[in-house]
C-alpha atoms as a PDB file:
ATOM      1  CA  MET A   1       0.000   0.000   0.000  1.00  0.00           C
ATOM      2  CA  SER A   2       1.329   3.451  -0.828  1.00  0.00           C
ATOM      3  CA  PHE A   3       2.053   6.092   1.772  1.00  0.00           C
ATOM      4  CA  GLY A   4      -0.339   8.581   0.130  1.00  0.00           C
ATOM      5  CA  ILE A   5      -3.318   6.237   0.272  1.00  0.00           C
ATOM      6  CA  TYR A   6      -2.509   5.403   3.883  1.00  0.00           C
ATOM      7  CA  LEU A   7      -2.404   9.084   4.849  1.00  0.00           C
ATOM      8  CA  VAL A   8      -5.630   9.919   3.004  1.00  0.00           C
ATOM      9  CA  GLY A   9      -7.437   7.167   4.899  1.00  0.00           C
ATOM     10  CA  PHE A  10      -6.031   8.334   8.194  1.00  0.00           C
ATOM     11  CA  LEU A  11      -7.002  11.959   7.446  1.00  0.00           C
ATOM     12  CA  ILE A  12     -10.580  10.844   6.769  1.00  0.00           C
ATOM     13  CA  LEU A  13     -10.549   9.056  10.134  1.00  0.00           C
ATOM     14  CA  ILE A  14      -9.180  12.154  11.884  1.00  0.00           C
ATOM     15  CA  GLY A  15     -11.821  14.319  10.201  1.00  0.00           C
ATOM     16  CA  GLY A  16     -14.572  12.045  11.499  1.00  0.00           C
ATOM     17  CA  LEU A  17     -13.160  12.129  15.001  1.00  0.00           C
ATOM     18  CA  ILE A  18     -12.930  15.927  14.911  1.00  0.00           C
ATOM     19  CA  TRP A  19     -16.527  16.147  13.711  1.00  0.00           C
ATOM     20  CA  ALA A  20     -17.663  13.847  16.544  1.00  0.00           C
ATOM     21  CA  ALA A  21     -15.738  15.944  19.086  1.00  0.00           C
ATOM     22  CA  VAL A  22     -17.399  19.132  17.806  1.00  0.00           C
ATOM     23  CA  ILE A  23     -20.841  17.524  18.069  1.00  0.00           C
ATOM     24  CA  LEU A  24     -20.011  16.456  21.637  1.00  0.00           C
ATOM     25  CA  HIS A  25     -18.966  20.067  22.450  1.00  0.00           C
ATOM     26  CA  VAL A  26     -15.357  19.245  23.293  1.00  0.00           C
ATOM     27  CA  ALA A  27     -13.241  22.357  23.875  1.00  0.00           C
ATOM     28  CA  PRO A  28     -11.489  23.491  20.650  1.00  0.00           C
ATOM     29  CA  GLN A  29      -7.994  23.410  22.184  1.00  0.00           C
ATOM     30  CA  TRP A  30      -8.450  19.710  23.042  1.00  0.00           C
ATOM     31  CA  ILE A  31      -9.709  18.979  19.547  1.00  0.00           C
ATOM     32  CA  GLY A  32      -6.527  20.610  18.212  1.00  0.00           C
ATOM     33  CA  VAL A  33      -4.294  18.657  20.586  1.00  0.00           C
ATOM     34  CA  GLY A  34      -5.984  15.397  19.627  1.00  0.00           C
ATOM     35  CA  ALA A  35      -5.732  16.187  15.914  1.00  0.00           C
ATOM     36  CA  ILE A  36      -2.003  16.948  16.153  1.00  0.00           C
ATOM     37  CA  ILE A  37      -1.370  13.716  18.050  1.00  0.00           C
ATOM     38  CA  MET A  38      -3.393  11.700  15.518  1.00  0.00           C
ATOM     39  CA  ILE A  39      -1.548  13.289  12.569  1.00  0.00           C
ATOM     40  CA  GLY A  40       1.769  12.390  14.186  1.00  0.00           C
ATOM     41  CA  LEU A  41       0.605   8.808  14.698  1.00  0.00           C
ATOM     42  CA  ALA A  42      -0.595   8.658  11.093  1.00  0.00           C
ATOM     43  CA  ILE A  43       2.817   9.689   9.790  1.00  0.00           C
ATOM     44  CA  LEU A  44       4.638   7.239  12.060  1.00  0.00           C
ATOM     45  CA  LYS A  45       2.366   4.312  11.183  1.00  0.00           C
ATOM     46  CA  GLY A  46       2.358   5.212   7.483  1.00  0.00           C
ATOM     47  CA  VAL A  47       6.128   5.254   7.275  1.00  0.00           C
ATOM     48  CA  GLN A  48       6.370   2.064   9.309  1.00  0.00           C
ATOM     49  CA  SER A  49       3.925   0.110   7.153  1.00  0.00           C
ATOM     50  CA  THR A  50       5.040   1.388   3.735  1.00  0.00           C
ATOM     51  CA  ARG A  51       8.808   1.535   4.284  1.00  0.00           C
ATOM     52  CA  GLY A  52      10.845  -0.877   2.193  1.00  0.00           C
ATOM     53  CA  LYS A  53      12.846  -3.572   3.893  1.00  0.00           C
ATOM     54  CA  ASP A  54      16.511  -2.784   4.487  1.00  0.00           C
ATOM     55  CA  PRO A  55      18.826  -4.923   2.390  1.00  0.00           C
ATOM     56  CA  PRO A  56      20.744  -7.509   4.391  1.00  0.00           C
ATOM     57  CA  SER A  57      24.210  -6.414   5.387  1.00  0.00           C
ATOM     58  CA  ARG A  58      27.209  -8.549   4.554  1.00  0.00           C
END
């Protein structure tokens, strides 16, 4: 799976979570903190799952 597709899916997930937090009247600063954390996790997981294997060393 490509990194771009992975990030798009994660951004859709984050958007849904932000929307749910707004509906539940969560304070905007906490929505921002949660969004930043989720974006960081998305980048870390995306790189981890789409990174090529390192060639074996000799």
